[in-house]
PDB file of N, CA and C in Angstrom:
ATOM      1  N   UNK A   1    -127.178  49.391  33.599  1.00  0.00           N
ATOM      2  CA  UNK A   1    -128.560  48.947  33.620  1.00  0.00           C
ATOM      3  C   UNK A   1    -128.619  47.455  33.900  1.00  0.00           C
ATOM      4  N   UNK A   2    -129.811  46.941  33.940  1.00  0.00           N
ATOM      5  CA  UNK A   2    -130.021  45.542  34.289  1.00  0.00           C
ATOM      6  C   UNK A   2    -129.813  44.617  33.095  1.00  0.00           C
ATOM      7  N   UNK A   3    -129.688  43.342  33.409  1.00  0.00           N
ATOM      8  CA  UNK A   3    -129.578  42.347  32.351  1.00  0.00           C
ATOM      9  C   UNK A   3    -130.847  42.330  31.505  1.00  0.00           C
ATOM     10  N   UNK A   4    -131.998  42.561  32.156  1.00  0.00           N
ATOM     11  CA  UNK A   4    -133.257  42.585  31.411  1.00  0.00           C
ATOM     12  C   UNK A   4    -133.275  43.745  30.417  1.00  0.00           C
ATOM     13  N   UNK A   5    -132.811  44.903  30.832  1.00  0.00           N
ATOM     14  CA  UNK A   5    -132.738  46.056  29.916  1.00  0.00           C
ATOM     15  C   UNK A   5    -131.811  45.749  28.744  1.00  0.00           C
ATOM     16  N   UNK A   6    -130.675  45.127  29.027  1.00  0.00           N
ATOM     17  CA  UNK A   6    -129.748  44.735  27.962  1.00  0.00           C
ATOM     18  C   UNK A   6    -130.416  43.764  26.988  1.00  0.00           C
ATOM     19  N   UNK A   7    -131.098  42.788  27.562  1.00  0.00           N
ATOM     20  CA  UNK A   7    -131.741  41.753  26.748  1.00  0.00           C
ATOM     21  C   UNK A   7    -132.832  42.350  25.849  1.00  0.00           C
ATOM     22  N   UNK A   8    -133.731  43.132  26.461  1.00  0.00           N
ATOM     23  CA  UNK A   8    -134.835  43.719  25.697  1.00  0.00           C
ATOM     24  C   UNK A   8    -134.288  44.680  24.635  1.00  0.00           C
ATOM     25  N   UNK A   9    -133.312  45.485  24.987  1.00  0.00           N
ATOM     26  CA  UNK A   9    -132.714  46.400  24.018  1.00  0.00           C
ATOM     27  C   UNK A   9    -132.096  45.668  22.843  1.00  0.00           C
ATOM     28  N   UNK A  10    -131.417  44.587  23.138  1.00  0.00           N
ATOM     29  CA  UNK A  10    -130.799  43.793  22.081  1.00  0.00           C
ATOM     30  C   UNK A  10    -131.855  43.187  21.164  1.00  0.00           C
ATOM     31  N   UNK A  11    -132.931  42.711  21.750  1.00  0.00           N
ATOM     32  CA  UNK A  11    -134.018  42.119  20.958  1.00  0.00           C
ATOM     33  C   UNK A  11    -134.691  43.188  20.079  1.00  0.00           C
ATOM     34  N   UNK A  12    -134.866  44.377  20.628  1.00  0.00           N
ATOM     35  CA  UNK A  12    -135.441  45.463  19.832  1.00  0.00           C
ATOM     36  C   UNK A  12    -134.543  45.752  18.634  1.00  0.00           C
ATOM     37  N   UNK A  13    -133.233  45.814  18.859  1.00  0.00           N
ATOM     38  CA  UNK A  13    -132.290  46.062  17.768  1.00  0.00           C
ATOM     39  C   UNK A  13    -132.402  44.978  16.697  1.00  0.00           C
ATOM     40  N   UNK A  14    -132.467  43.719  17.109  1.00  0.00           N
ATOM     41  CA  UNK A  14    -132.561  42.610  16.156  1.00  0.00           C
ATOM     42  C   UNK A  14    -133.830  42.732  15.321  1.00  0.00           C
ATOM     43  N   UNK A  15    -134.970  42.969  15.977  1.00  0.00           N
ATOM     44  CA  UNK A  15    -136.228  43.084  15.241  1.00  0.00           C
ATOM     45  C   UNK A  15    -136.224  44.320  14.344  1.00  0.00           C
ATOM     46  N   UNK A  16    -135.669  45.420  14.826  1.00  0.00           N
ATOM     47  CA  UNK A  16    -135.615  46.644  14.013  1.00  0.00           C
ATOM     48  C   UNK A  16    -134.821  46.381  12.731  1.00  0.00           C
ATOM     49  N   UNK A  17    -133.661  45.772  12.871  1.00  0.00           N
ATOM     50  CA  UNK A  17    -132.824  45.483  11.709  1.00  0.00           C
ATOM     51  C   UNK A  17    -133.508  44.487  10.781  1.00  0.00           C
ATOM     52  N   UNK A  18    -134.169  43.515  11.377  1.00  0.00           N
ATOM     53  CA  UNK A  18    -134.880  42.520  10.580  1.00  0.00           C
ATOM     54  C   UNK A  18    -135.968  43.189   9.740  1.00  0.00           C
ATOM     55  N   UNK A  19    -136.573  44.220  10.259  1.00  0.00           N
ATOM     56  CA  UNK A  19    -137.623  44.958   9.541  1.00  0.00           C
ATOM     57  C   UNK A  19    -137.029  45.985   8.574  1.00  0.00           C
ATOM     58  N   UNK A  20    -135.707  46.116   8.572  1.00  0.00           N
ATOM     59  CA  UNK A  20    -135.043  47.050   7.672  1.00  0.00           C
ATOM     60  C   UNK A  20    -135.220  48.504   8.078  1.00  0.00           C
ATOM     61  N   UNK A  21    -135.436  48.732   9.367  1.00  0.00           N
ATOM     62  CA  UNK A  21    -135.633  50.092   9.867  1.00  0.00           C
ATOM     63  C   UNK A  21    -134.351  50.645  10.471  1.00  0.00           C
ATOM     64  N   UNK A  22    -134.136  51.924  10.280  1.00  0.00           N
ATOM     65  CA  UNK A  22    -133.054  52.604  10.995  1.00  0.00           C
ATOM     66  C   UNK A  22    -133.586  53.018  12.362  1.00  0.00           C
ATOM     67  N   UNK A  23    -132.677  53.421  13.239  1.00  0.00           N
ATOM     68  CA  UNK A  23    -133.122  53.939  14.532  1.00  0.00           C
ATOM     69  C   UNK A  23    -133.988  55.180  14.341  1.00  0.00           C
ATOM     70  N   UNK A  24    -133.638  56.009  13.380  1.00  0.00           N
ATOM     71  CA  UNK A  24    -134.407  57.229  13.116  1.00  0.00           C
ATOM     72  C   UNK A  24    -135.829  56.890  12.663  1.00  0.00           C
ATOM     73  N   UNK A  25    -135.965  55.882  11.812  1.00  0.00           N
ATOM     74  CA  UNK A  25    -137.293  55.492  11.346  1.00  0.00           C
ATOM     75  C   UNK A  25    -138.135  54.922  12.485  1.00  0.00           C
ATOM     76  N   UNK A  26    -137.508  54.086  13.318  1.00  0.00           N
ATOM     77  CA  UNK A  26    -138.240  53.537  14.464  1.00  0.00           C
ATOM     78  C   UNK A  26    -138.617  54.648  15.428  1.00  0.00           C
ATOM     79  N   UNK A  27    -137.720  55.565  15.660  1.00  0.00           N
ATOM     80  CA  UNK A  27    -138.008  56.663  16.586  1.00  0.00           C
ATOM     81  C   UNK A  27    -139.185  57.503  16.087  1.00  0.00           C
ATOM     82  N   UNK A  28    -139.275  57.681  14.789  1.00  0.00           N
ATOM     83  CA  UNK A  28    -140.399  58.429  14.218  1.00  0.00           C
ATOM     84  C   UNK A  28    -141.713  57.681  14.444  1.00  0.00           C
ATOM     85  N   UNK A  29    -141.675  56.366  14.248  1.00  0.00           N
ATOM     86  CA  UNK A  29    -142.878  55.557  14.433  1.00  0.00           C
ATOM     87  C   UNK A  29    -143.361  55.558  15.890  1.00  0.00           C
ATOM     88  N   UNK A  30    -142.425  55.589  16.837  1.00  0.00           N
ATOM     89  CA  UNK A  30    -142.811  55.537  18.254  1.00  0.00           C
ATOM     90  C   UNK A  30    -142.833  56.917  18.901  1.00  0.00           C
ATOM     91  N   UNK A  31    -142.550  57.923  18.098  1.00  0.00           N
ATOM     92  CA  UNK A  31    -142.594  59.319  18.556  1.00  0.00           C
ATOM     93  C   UNK A  31    -141.672  59.565  19.756  1.00  0.00           C
ATOM     94  N   UNK A  32    -140.440  59.118  19.583  1.00  0.00           N
ATOM     95  CA  UNK A  32    -139.388  59.321  20.581  1.00  0.00           C
ATOM     96  C   UNK A  32    -138.129  59.756  19.834  1.00  0.00           C
ATOM     97  N   UNK A  33    -137.236  60.472  20.488  1.00  0.00           N
ATOM     98  CA  UNK A  33    -135.985  60.864  19.822  1.00  0.00           C
ATOM     99  C   UNK A  33    -135.137  59.644  19.436  1.00  0.00           C
ATOM    100  N   UNK A  34    -134.393  59.788  18.353  1.00  0.00           N
ATOM    101  CA  UNK A  34    -133.512  58.694  17.906  1.00  0.00           C
ATOM    102  C   UNK A  34    -132.504  58.335  18.991  1.00  0.00           C
ATOM    103  N   UNK A  35    -132.020  59.308  19.715  1.00  0.00           N
ATOM    104  CA  UNK A  35    -131.048  59.035  20.781  1.00  0.00           C
ATOM    105  C   UNK A  35    -131.656  58.168  21.878  1.00  0.00           C
ATOM    106  N   UNK A  36    -132.950  58.327  22.113  1.00  0.00           N
ATOM    107  CA  UNK A  36    -133.644  57.514  23.115  1.00  0.00           C
ATOM    108  C   UNK A  36    -133.712  56.056  22.666  1.00  0.00           C
ATOM    109  N   UNK A  37    -134.020  55.836  21.377  1.00  0.00           N
ATOM    110  CA  UNK A  37    -134.049  54.477  20.821  1.00  0.00           C
ATOM    111  C   UNK A  37    -132.663  53.859  20.922  1.00  0.00           C
ATOM    112  N   UNK A  38    -131.647  54.630  20.619  1.00  0.00           N
ATOM    113  CA  UNK A  38    -130.268  54.155  20.727  1.00  0.00           C
ATOM    114  C   UNK A  38    -129.954  53.732  22.160  1.00  0.00           C
ATOM    115  N   UNK A  39    -130.346  54.557  23.116  1.00  0.00           N
ATOM    116  CA  UNK A  39    -130.110  54.234  24.532  1.00  0.00           C
ATOM    117  C   UNK A  39    -130.861  52.972  24.949  1.00  0.00           C
ATOM    118  N   UNK A  40    -132.078  52.803  24.461  1.00  0.00           N
ATOM    119  CA  UNK A  40    -132.859  51.599  24.771  1.00  0.00           C
ATOM    120  C   UNK A  40    -132.142  50.372  24.225  1.00  0.00           C
ATOM    121  N   UNK A  41    -131.718  50.448  22.974  1.00  0.00           N
ATOM    122  CA  UNK A  41    -131.055  49.300  22.344  1.00  0.00           C
ATOM    123  C   UNK A  41    -129.760  48.923  23.049  1.00  0.00           C
ATOM    124  N   UNK A  42    -129.093  49.880  23.633  1.00  0.00           N
ATOM    125  CA  UNK A  42    -127.859  49.593  24.367  1.00  0.00           C
ATOM    126  C   UNK A  42    -128.139  49.198  25.826  1.00  0.00           C
ATOM    127  N   UNK A  43    -129.409  49.173  26.202  1.00  0.00           N
ATOM    128  CA  UNK A  43    -129.769  48.802  27.563  1.00  0.00           C
ATOM    129  C   UNK A  43    -129.493  49.896  28.571  1.00  0.00           C
ATOM    130  N   UNK A  44    -129.371  51.132  28.104  1.00  0.00           N
ATOM    131  CA  UNK A  44    -129.017  52.245  28.987  1.00  0.00           C
ATOM    132  C   UNK A  44    -130.226  53.026  29.490  1.00  0.00           C
ATOM    133  N   UNK A  45    -131.401  52.725  28.980  1.00  0.00           N
ATOM    134  CA  UNK A  45    -132.619  53.422  29.407  1.00  0.00           C
ATOM    135  C   UNK A  45    -133.677  52.407  29.798  1.00  0.00           C
ATOM    136  N   UNK A  46    -134.366  52.711  30.885  1.00  0.00           N
ATOM    137  CA  UNK A  46    -135.573  51.966  31.212  1.00  0.00           C
ATOM    138  C   UNK A  46    -136.697  52.582  30.401  1.00  0.00           C
ATOM    139  N   UNK A  47    -137.600  51.765  29.927  1.00  0.00           N
ATOM    140  CA  UNK A  47    -138.697  52.292  29.131  1.00  0.00           C
ATOM    141  C   UNK A  47    -140.024  52.020  29.812  1.00  0.00           C
ATOM    142  N   UNK A  48    -140.969  52.884  29.561  1.00  0.00           N
ATOM    143  CA  UNK A  48    -142.304  52.705  30.116  1.00  0.00           C
ATOM    144  C   UNK A  48    -143.043  51.640  29.316  1.00  0.00           C
ATOM    145  N   UNK A  49    -144.098  51.121  29.902  1.00  0.00           N
ATOM    146  CA  UNK A  49    -144.916  50.154  29.171  1.00  0.00           C
ATOM    147  C   UNK A  49    -145.564  50.800  27.951  1.00  0.00           C
ATOM    148  N   UNK A  50    -145.888  52.069  28.057  1.00  0.00           N
ATOM    149  CA  UNK A  50    -146.465  52.791  26.920  1.00  0.00           C
ATOM    150  C   UNK A  50    -145.486  52.812  25.744  1.00  0.00           C
ATOM    151  N   UNK A  51    -144.231  53.130  26.026  1.00  0.00           N
ATOM    152  CA  UNK A  51    -143.207  53.144  24.976  1.00  0.00           C
ATOM    153  C   UNK A  51    -142.975  51.739  24.439  1.00  0.00           C
ATOM    154  N   UNK A  52    -142.948  50.769  25.333  1.00  0.00           N
ATOM    155  CA  UNK A  52    -142.766  49.378  24.918  1.00  0.00           C
ATOM    156  C   UNK A  52    -143.897  48.962  23.980  1.00  0.00           C
ATOM    157  N   UNK A  53    -145.105  49.355  24.309  1.00  0.00           N
ATOM    158  CA  UNK A  53    -146.251  49.025  23.467  1.00  0.00           C
ATOM    159  C   UNK A  53    -146.106  49.657  22.079  1.00  0.00           C
ATOM    160  N   UNK A  54    -145.689  50.902  22.016  1.00  0.00           N
ATOM    161  CA  UNK A  54    -145.506  51.562  20.726  1.00  0.00           C
ATOM    162  C   UNK A  54    -144.395  50.900  19.918  1.00  0.00           C
ATOM    163  N   UNK A  55    -143.346  50.448  20.597  1.00  0.00           N
ATOM    164  CA  UNK A  55    -142.238  49.782  19.904  1.00  0.00           C
ATOM    165  C   UNK A  55    -142.699  48.456  19.305  1.00  0.00           C
ATOM    166  N   UNK A  56    -143.395  47.638  20.097  1.00  0.00           N
ATOM    167  CA  UNK A  56    -143.830  46.338  19.560  1.00  0.00           C
ATOM    168  C   UNK A  56    -144.840  46.520  18.427  1.00  0.00           C
ATOM    169  N   UNK A  57    -145.674  47.558  18.516  1.00  0.00           N
ATOM    170  CA  UNK A  57    -146.602  47.836  17.418  1.00  0.00           C
ATOM    171  C   UNK A  57    -145.843  48.269  16.170  1.00  0.00           C
ATOM    172  N   UNK A  58    -144.844  49.120  16.323  1.00  0.00           N
ATOM    173  CA  UNK A  58    -144.054  49.589  15.184  1.00  0.00           C
ATOM    174  C   UNK A  58    -143.278  48.444  14.542  1.00  0.00           C
ATOM    175  N   UNK A  59    -142.811  47.508  15.369  1.00  0.00           N
ATOM    176  CA  UNK A  59    -142.039  46.374  14.854  1.00  0.00           C
ATOM    177  C   UNK A  59    -142.927  45.213  14.423  1.00  0.00           C
ATOM    178  N   UNK A  60    -144.231  45.335  14.720  1.00  0.00           N
ATOM    179  CA  UNK A  60    -145.206  44.295  14.372  1.00  0.00           C
ATOM    180  C   UNK A  60    -144.831  42.949  14.969  1.00  0.00           C
ATOM    181  N   UNK A  61    -144.572  42.973  16.268  1.00  0.00           N
ATOM    182  CA  UNK A  61    -144.224  41.749  16.996  1.00  0.00           C
ATOM    183  C   UNK A  61    -145.106  41.627  18.225  1.00  0.00           C
ATOM    184  N   UNK A  62    -145.119  40.439  18.794  1.00  0.00           N
ATOM    185  CA  UNK A  62    -145.811  40.190  20.061  1.00  0.00           C
ATOM    186  C   UNK A  62    -144.866  40.614  21.186  1.00  0.00           C
ATOM    187  N   UNK A  63    -145.373  41.268  22.230  1.00  0.00           N
ATOM    188  CA  UNK A  63    -144.484  41.723  23.313  1.00  0.00           C
ATOM    189  C   UNK A  63    -143.596  40.616  23.885  1.00  0.00           C
ATOM    190  N   UNK A  64    -144.129  39.407  23.949  1.00  0.00           N
ATOM    191  CA  UNK A  64    -143.355  38.295  24.500  1.00  0.00           C
ATOM    192  C   UNK A  64    -142.084  37.989  23.728  1.00  0.00           C
ATOM    193  N   UNK A  65    -142.051  38.375  22.452  1.00  0.00           N
ATOM    194  CA  UNK A  65    -140.869  38.109  21.641  1.00  0.00           C
ATOM    195  C   UNK A  65    -139.645  38.880  22.135  1.00  0.00           C
ATOM    196  N   UNK A  66    -139.881  39.956  22.875  1.00  0.00           N
ATOM    197  CA  UNK A  66    -138.753  40.712  23.424  1.00  0.00           C
ATOM    198  C   UNK A  66    -138.158  40.034  24.653  1.00  0.00           C
ATOM    199  N   UNK A  67    -138.917  39.125  25.243  1.00  0.00           N
ATOM    200  CA  UNK A  67    -138.471  38.489  26.471  1.00  0.00           C
ATOM    201  C   UNK A  67    -138.075  37.028  26.273  1.00  0.00           C
ATOM    202  N   UNK A  68    -138.289  36.498  25.060  1.00  0.00           N
ATOM    203  CA  UNK A  68    -137.900  35.117  24.774  1.00  0.00           C
ATOM    204  C   UNK A  68    -136.436  34.896  25.121  1.00  0.00           C
ATOM    205  N   UNK A  69    -136.154  33.770  25.645  1.00  0.00           N
ATOM    206  CA  UNK A  69    -134.799  33.312  25.990  1.00  0.00           C
ATOM    207  C   UNK A  69    -134.169  34.094  27.133  1.00  0.00           C
ATOM    208  N   UNK A  70    -134.936  34.952  27.808  1.00  0.00           N
ATOM    209  CA  UNK A  70    -134.351  35.684  28.940  1.00  0.00           C
ATOM    210  C   UNK A  70    -134.403  34.832  30.196  1.00  0.00           C
ATOM    211  N   UNK A  71    -133.280  34.825  30.888  1.00  0.00           N
ATOM    212  CA  UNK A  71    -133.182  34.157  32.181  1.00  0.00           C
ATOM    213  C   UNK A  71    -132.262  35.029  33.014  1.00  0.00           C
ATOM    214  N   UNK A  72    -132.779  35.664  34.041  1.00  0.00           N
ATOM    215  CA  UNK A  72    -132.010  36.596  34.851  1.00  0.00           C
ATOM    216  C   UNK A  72    -130.761  36.016  35.467  1.00  0.00           C
ATOM    217  N   UNK A  73    -130.646  34.703  35.472  1.00  0.00           N
ATOM    218  CA  UNK A  73    -129.490  34.047  36.077  1.00  0.00           C
ATOM    219  C   UNK A  73    -128.347  33.858  35.081  1.00  0.00           C
ATOM    220  N   UNK A  74    -128.565  34.239  33.830  1.00  0.00           N
ATOM    221  CA  UNK A  74    -127.546  34.032  32.813  1.00  0.00           C
ATOM    222  C   UNK A  74    -126.361  34.975  33.011  1.00  0.00           C
ATOM    223  N   UNK A  75    -125.199  34.473  32.660  1.00  0.00           N
ATOM    224  CA  UNK A  75    -124.002  35.315  32.680  1.00  0.00           C
ATOM    225  C   UNK A  75    -124.040  36.247  31.482  1.00  0.00           C
ATOM    226  N   UNK A  76    -123.220  37.281  31.511  1.00  0.00           N
ATOM    227  CA  UNK A  76    -123.138  38.192  30.371  1.00  0.00           C
ATOM    228  C   UNK A  76    -122.705  37.457  29.110  1.00  0.00           C
ATOM    229  N   UNK A  77    -121.797  36.510  29.263  1.00  0.00           N
ATOM    230  CA  UNK A  77    -121.340  35.743  28.103  1.00  0.00           C
ATOM    231  C   UNK A  77    -122.490  34.922  27.517  1.00  0.00           C
ATOM    232  N   UNK A  78    -123.311  34.322  28.385  1.00  0.00           N
ATOM    233  CA  UNK A  78    -124.451  33.546  27.906  1.00  0.00           C
ATOM    234  C   UNK A  78    -125.479  34.448  27.222  1.00  0.00           C
ATOM    235  N   UNK A  79    -125.667  35.652  27.755  1.00  0.00           N
ATOM    236  CA  UNK A  79    -126.584  36.603  27.114  1.00  0.00           C
ATOM    237  C   UNK A  79    -126.106  36.957  25.709  1.00  0.00           C
ATOM    238  N   UNK A  80    -124.801  37.198  25.569  1.00  0.00           N
ATOM    239  CA  UNK A  80    -124.239  37.513  24.255  1.00  0.00           C
ATOM    240  C   UNK A  80    -124.403  36.332  23.302  1.00  0.00           C
ATOM    241  N   UNK A  81    -124.185  35.144  23.823  1.00  0.00           N
ATOM    242  CA  UNK A  81    -124.338  33.934  23.016  1.00  0.00           C
ATOM    243  C   UNK A  81    -125.796  33.783  22.559  1.00  0.00           C
ATOM    244  N   UNK A  82    -126.732  34.017  23.471  1.00  0.00           N
ATOM    245  CA  UNK A  82    -128.152  33.930  23.123  1.00  0.00           C
ATOM    246  C   UNK A  82    -128.534  34.962  22.073  1.00  0.00           C
ATOM    247  N   UNK A  83    -127.952  36.167  22.165  1.00  0.00           N
ATOM    248  CA  UNK A  83    -128.234  37.205  21.163  1.00  0.00           C
ATOM    249  C   UNK A  83    -127.776  36.750  19.783  1.00  0.00           C
ATOM    250  N   UNK A  84    -126.606  36.133  19.717  1.00  0.00           N
ATOM    251  CA  UNK A  84    -126.094  35.661  18.435  1.00  0.00           C
ATOM    252  C   UNK A  84    -126.979  34.549  17.874  1.00  0.00           C
ATOM    253  N   UNK A  85    -127.429  33.655  18.740  1.00  0.00           N
ATOM    254  CA  UNK A  85    -128.321  32.578  18.300  1.00  0.00           C
ATOM    255  C   UNK A  85    -129.640  33.164  17.806  1.00  0.00           C
ATOM    256  N   UNK A  86    -130.171  34.145  18.526  1.00  0.00           N
ATOM    257  CA  UNK A  86    -131.404  34.816  18.092  1.00  0.00           C
ATOM    258  C   UNK A  86    -131.210  35.471  16.729  1.00  0.00           C
ATOM    259  N   UNK A  87    -130.067  36.117  16.540  1.00  0.00           N
ATOM    260  CA  UNK A  87    -129.793  36.777  15.268  1.00  0.00           C
ATOM    261  C   UNK A  87    -129.759  35.760  14.131  1.00  0.00           C
ATOM    262  N   UNK A  88    -129.125  34.624  14.365  1.00  0.00           N
ATOM    263  CA  UNK A  88    -129.099  33.571  13.341  1.00  0.00           C
ATOM    264  C   UNK A  88    -130.509  33.097  13.015  1.00  0.00           C
ATOM    265  N   UNK A  89    -131.317  32.925  14.046  1.00  0.00           N
ATOM    266  CA  UNK A  89    -132.695  32.482  13.852  1.00  0.00           C
ATOM    267  C   UNK A  89    -133.461  33.479  12.994  1.00  0.00           C
ATOM    268  N   UNK A  90    -133.326  34.772  13.286  1.00  0.00           N
ATOM    269  CA  UNK A  90    -134.037  35.789  12.514  1.00  0.00           C
ATOM    270  C   UNK A  90    -133.525  35.866  11.088  1.00  0.00           C
ATOM    271  N   UNK A  91    -132.228  35.641  10.896  1.00  0.00           N
ATOM    272  CA  UNK A  91    -131.678  35.680   9.550  1.00  0.00           C
ATOM    273  C   UNK A  91    -132.215  34.525   8.707  1.00  0.00           C
ATOM    274  N   UNK A  92    -132.509  33.399   9.341  1.00  0.00           N
ATOM    275  CA  UNK A  92    -132.978  32.220   8.621  1.00  0.00           C
ATOM    276  C   UNK A  92    -134.493  32.175   8.458  1.00  0.00           C
ATOM    277  N   UNK A  93    -135.197  32.919   9.258  1.00  0.00           N
ATOM    278  CA  UNK A  93    -136.648  32.824   9.340  1.00  0.00           C
ATOM    279  C   UNK A  93    -137.359  32.946   7.996  1.00  0.00           C
ATOM    280  N   UNK A  94    -136.923  33.831   7.132  1.00  0.00           N
ATOM    281  CA  UNK A  94    -137.603  34.063   5.859  1.00  0.00           C
ATOM    282  C   UNK A  94    -136.987  33.290   4.686  1.00  0.00           C
ATOM    283  N   UNK A  95    -136.055  32.429   4.976  1.00  0.00           N
ATOM    284  CA  UNK A  95    -135.416  31.627   3.925  1.00  0.00           C
ATOM    285  C   UNK A  95    -136.253  30.392   3.638  1.00  0.00           C
ATOM    286  N   UNK A  96    -136.110  29.860   2.419  1.00  0.00           N
ATOM    287  CA  UNK A  96    -136.850  28.638   2.101  1.00  0.00           C
ATOM    288  C   UNK A  96    -136.084  27.425   2.646  1.00  0.00           C
ATOM    289  N   UNK A  97    -136.751  26.287   2.642  1.00  0.00           N
ATOM    290  CA  UNK A  97    -136.195  25.079   3.254  1.00  0.00           C
ATOM    291  C   UNK A  97    -134.883  24.658   2.601  1.00  0.00           C
ATOM    292  N   UNK A  98    -134.785  24.803   1.294  1.00  0.00           N
ATOM    293  CA  UNK A  98    -133.550  24.419   0.586  1.00  0.00           C
ATOM    294  C   UNK A  98    -132.370  25.261   1.078  1.00  0.00           C
ATOM    295  N   UNK A  99    -132.584  26.558   1.208  1.00  0.00           N
ATOM    296  CA  UNK A  99    -131.515  27.438   1.686  1.00  0.00           C
ATOM    297  C   UNK A  99    -131.129  27.103   3.127  1.00  0.00           C
ATOM    298  N   UNK A 100    -132.123  26.851   3.966  1.00  0.00           N
ATOM    299  CA  UNK A 100    -131.839  26.507   5.365  1.00  0.00           C
ATOM    300  C   UNK A 100    -131.066  25.199   5.445  1.00  0.00           C
ATOM    301  N   UNK A 101    -131.424  24.231   4.623  1.00  0.00           N
ATOM    302  CA  UNK A 101    -130.709  22.944   4.602  1.00  0.00           C
ATOM    303  C   UNK A 101    -129.249  23.134   4.195  1.00  0.00           C
ATOM    304  N   UNK A 102    -129.012  23.971   3.190  1.00  0.00           N
ATOM    305  CA  UNK A 102    -127.647  24.249   2.742  1.00  0.00           C
ATOM    306  C   UNK A 102    -126.847  24.927   3.853  1.00  0.00           C
ATOM    307  N   UNK A 103    -127.441  25.911   4.493  1.00  0.00           N
ATOM    308  CA  UNK A 103    -126.772  26.629   5.580  1.00  0.00           C
ATOM    309  C   UNK A 103    -126.499  25.688   6.749  1.00  0.00           C
ATOM    310  N   UNK A 104    -127.433  24.797   7.032  1.00  0.00           N
ATOM    311  CA  UNK A 104    -127.239  23.821   8.112  1.00  0.00           C
ATOM    312  C   UNK A 104    -126.042  22.928   7.819  1.00  0.00           C
ATOM    313  N   UNK A 105    -125.929  22.451   6.584  1.00  0.00           N
ATOM    314  CA  UNK A 105    -124.778  21.613   6.219  1.00  0.00           C
ATOM    315  C   UNK A 105    -123.466  22.386   6.348  1.00  0.00           C
ATOM    316  N   UNK A 106    -123.483  23.663   5.955  1.00  0.00           N
ATOM    317  CA  UNK A 106    -122.275  24.485   6.088  1.00  0.00           C
ATOM    318  C   UNK A 106    -121.886  24.646   7.561  1.00  0.00           C
ATOM    319  N   UNK A 107    -122.871  24.899   8.394  1.00  0.00           N
ATOM    320  CA  UNK A 107    -122.591  25.039   9.837  1.00  0.00           C
ATOM    321  C   UNK A 107    -122.045  23.734  10.399  1.00  0.00           C
ATOM    322  N   UNK A 108    -122.646  22.623  10.011  1.00  0.00           N
ATOM    323  CA  UNK A 108    -122.155  21.318  10.480  1.00  0.00           C
ATOM    324  C   UNK A 108    -120.706  21.104  10.082  1.00  0.00           C
ATOM    325  N   UNK A 109    -120.346  21.457   8.849  1.00  0.00           N
ATOM    326  CA  UNK A 109    -118.962  21.311   8.386  1.00  0.00           C
ATOM    327  C   UNK A 109    -118.008  22.198   9.181  1.00  0.00           C
ATOM    328  N   UNK A 110    -118.424  23.428   9.446  1.00  0.00           N
ATOM    329  CA  UNK A 110    -117.587  24.344  10.231  1.00  0.00           C
ATOM    330  C   UNK A 110    -117.405  23.799  11.650  1.00  0.00           C
ATOM    331  N   UNK A 111    -118.482  23.318  12.252  1.00  0.00           N
ATOM    332  CA  UNK A 111    -118.388  22.786  13.619  1.00  0.00           C
ATOM    333  C   UNK A 111    -117.505  21.540  13.678  1.00  0.00           C
ATOM    334  N   UNK A 112    -117.581  20.698  12.657  1.00  0.00           N
ATOM    335  CA  UNK A 112    -116.701  19.520  12.609  1.00  0.00           C
ATOM    336  C   UNK A 112    -115.245  19.954  12.573  1.00  0.00           C
ATOM    337  N   UNK A 113    -114.959  21.016  11.806  1.00  0.00           N
ATOM    338  CA  UNK A 113    -113.586  21.524  11.711  1.00  0.00           C
ATOM    339  C   UNK A 113    -113.132  22.054  13.069  1.00  0.00           C
ATOM    340  N   UNK A 114    -114.001  22.768  13.768  1.00  0.00           N
ATOM    341  CA  UNK A 114    -113.647  23.262  15.116  1.00  0.00           C
ATOM    342  C   UNK A 114    -113.425  22.109  16.086  1.00  0.00           C
ATOM    343  N   UNK A 115    -114.274  21.085  15.994  1.00  0.00           N
ATOM    344  CA  UNK A 115    -114.199  19.961  16.936  1.00  0.00           C
ATOM    345  C   UNK A 115    -112.958  19.104  16.735  1.00  0.00           C
ATOM    346  N   UNK A 116    -112.397  19.113  15.543  1.00  0.00           N
ATOM    347  CA  UNK A 116    -111.203  18.293  15.290  1.00  0.00           C
ATOM    348  C   UNK A 116    -109.916  18.994  15.708  1.00  0.00           C
ATOM    349  N   UNK A 117    -110.008  20.266  16.083  1.00  0.00           N
ATOM    350  CA  UNK A 117    -108.806  21.005  16.517  1.00  0.00           C
ATOM    351  C   UNK A 117    -108.411  20.623  17.902  1.00  0.00           C
TER     352      UNK A 117
END
């Protein structure tokens, strides 16, 4: 499939997990088989706008959030890197400022250790 399908599928997976939903639960909400949701998340299925609309409604997100950070010119490695950065962002989103500050200091320390190698 296309890089866009990979990107959108990955974003759907991130939002689904962030909402604490299984693929089966999301599939029930969008009235599609669980295997279809799995294929979408892996970028193996093209989806209709109707299905996309049901997915964003079930995940309670704005459609544009599935396309954030997408650039068709990105390499596969850059896409994977962007997915990891997105995942970190979603993991931090509901944390309070004190927790985010602590995590930021930990990341800075880890990066300093990598940079000195």
